[in-house]
Protein backbone atom coordinates (compact mmCIF):
# COMPACT_ATOMS: atom_id res chain seq x y z
CA MET A 1 181.37 104.07 1.92
CA GLU A 2 179.27 100.99 1.40
CA ASN A 3 176.43 100.97 -1.09
CA LEU A 4 173.02 101.74 0.34
CA GLU A 5 170.23 99.19 0.14
CA ILE A 6 167.45 100.01 -2.30
CA ILE A 7 163.89 99.72 -1.04
CA ASN A 8 161.62 98.12 -3.60
CA ILE A 9 158.43 100.21 -3.65
CA GLY A 10 156.70 98.19 -6.39
CA ALA A 11 155.34 99.52 -9.64
CA MET A 12 152.03 100.87 -8.32
CA PRO A 13 150.56 101.58 -4.89
CA ASN A 14 149.33 98.43 -3.12
CA ASP A 15 150.50 96.10 -5.91
CA ARG A 16 152.23 93.85 -3.34
CA GLN A 17 155.37 93.85 -5.49
CA GLY A 18 157.47 96.00 -3.16
CA ASP A 19 159.28 95.15 0.05
CA PRO A 20 157.09 94.42 3.07
CA ASN A 21 157.11 97.20 5.66
CA ARG A 22 159.37 95.31 8.07
CA ASP A 23 161.94 94.59 5.36
CA ALA A 24 161.79 98.18 4.08
CA PHE A 25 162.37 99.62 7.54
CA ALA A 26 165.21 97.14 8.16
CA LYS A 27 166.84 98.52 4.99
CA ILE A 28 166.26 102.08 6.22
CA ASN A 29 167.95 101.26 9.53
CA ALA A 30 170.88 99.60 7.73
CA ASN A 31 171.22 102.61 5.42
CA ALA A 32 171.19 104.99 8.40
CA LYS A 33 174.00 103.03 10.05
CA LYS A 34 176.08 103.12 6.85
CA LEU A 35 175.53 106.87 6.52
CA LYS A 36 176.49 107.43 10.16
CA VAL A 37 179.75 105.52 9.69
CA GLY A 38 180.49 107.53 6.54
CA VAL A 39 179.80 110.86 8.24
CA GLU A 40 181.95 109.92 11.24
CA ALA A 41 184.81 108.95 8.90
CA ALA A 42 184.47 112.26 7.03
CA GLU A 43 184.46 114.20 10.30
CA ALA A 44 187.60 112.40 11.49
CA ALA A 45 189.33 113.11 8.17
CA ALA A 46 188.33 116.78 8.42
CA ILE A 47 189.84 117.02 11.92
CA VAL A 48 193.11 115.51 10.69
CA ALA A 49 193.15 117.83 7.66
CA GLN A 50 192.46 120.86 9.85
CA ALA A 51 195.33 119.94 12.17
CA ALA A 52 197.66 119.47 9.19
CA ALA A 53 196.61 122.84 7.76
CA ALA A 54 197.23 124.54 11.11
CA ALA A 55 200.68 122.95 11.34
CA ALA A 56 201.48 124.03 7.78
CA ALA A 57 200.35 127.59 8.52
CA GLN A 58 202.53 127.68 11.65
CA ALA A 59 205.49 126.34 9.67
CA GLN A 60 204.93 129.06 7.07
CA ARG A 61 204.83 131.75 9.77
CA ASP A 62 208.03 130.34 11.31
CA ALA A 63 209.72 130.29 7.90
CA ASP A 64 208.62 133.87 7.20
CA ARG A 65 209.93 134.97 10.60
CA ALA A 66 213.23 133.18 9.98
CA GLY A 67 213.49 134.87 6.60
CA LEU A 68 212.98 138.28 8.20
CA ASP A 69 215.60 137.46 10.84
CA ALA A 70 218.04 136.36 8.14
CA THR A 71 217.38 139.54 6.15
CA ALA A 72 218.03 141.68 9.23
CA ALA A 73 221.22 139.76 9.99
CA GLN A 74 222.39 140.20 6.40
CA SER A 75 221.71 143.94 6.57
CA THR A 76 223.68 144.20 9.81
CA ALA A 77 226.56 142.24 8.30
CA ASP A 78 226.53 144.40 5.17
CA ALA A 79 226.63 147.54 7.30
CA GLY A 80 229.53 146.10 9.28
CA VAL A 81 231.43 145.32 6.10
CA ALA A 82 230.83 148.86 4.82
CA VAL A 83 232.10 150.35 8.10
CA ALA A 84 235.16 148.12 8.02
CA ALA A 85 235.86 149.01 4.39
CA ARG A 86 235.65 152.73 5.18
CA ALA A 87 237.89 152.31 8.22
CA GLN A 88 240.43 150.41 6.16
CA ALA A 89 240.37 153.04 3.43
CA THR A 90 241.23 155.88 5.81
């Protein structure tokens, strides 16, 4: 984000050393625009990060489900091998 403009308020009240009102408010408006751009950029980044996190969570769930399916398939195969070994032994 860009640097914000500093408003010179002078050393003491009414010392005429600070920024005139018009210049001070122009700096305030410029600062508000810079802050708005920064907030909008942060919001956009948060949306992208949230979508990436959701995709990662779905990928994890899919991987977990695939692991469970593979474990079940392995158990079925092991049982089949055991049955075949018993049948061959008799």
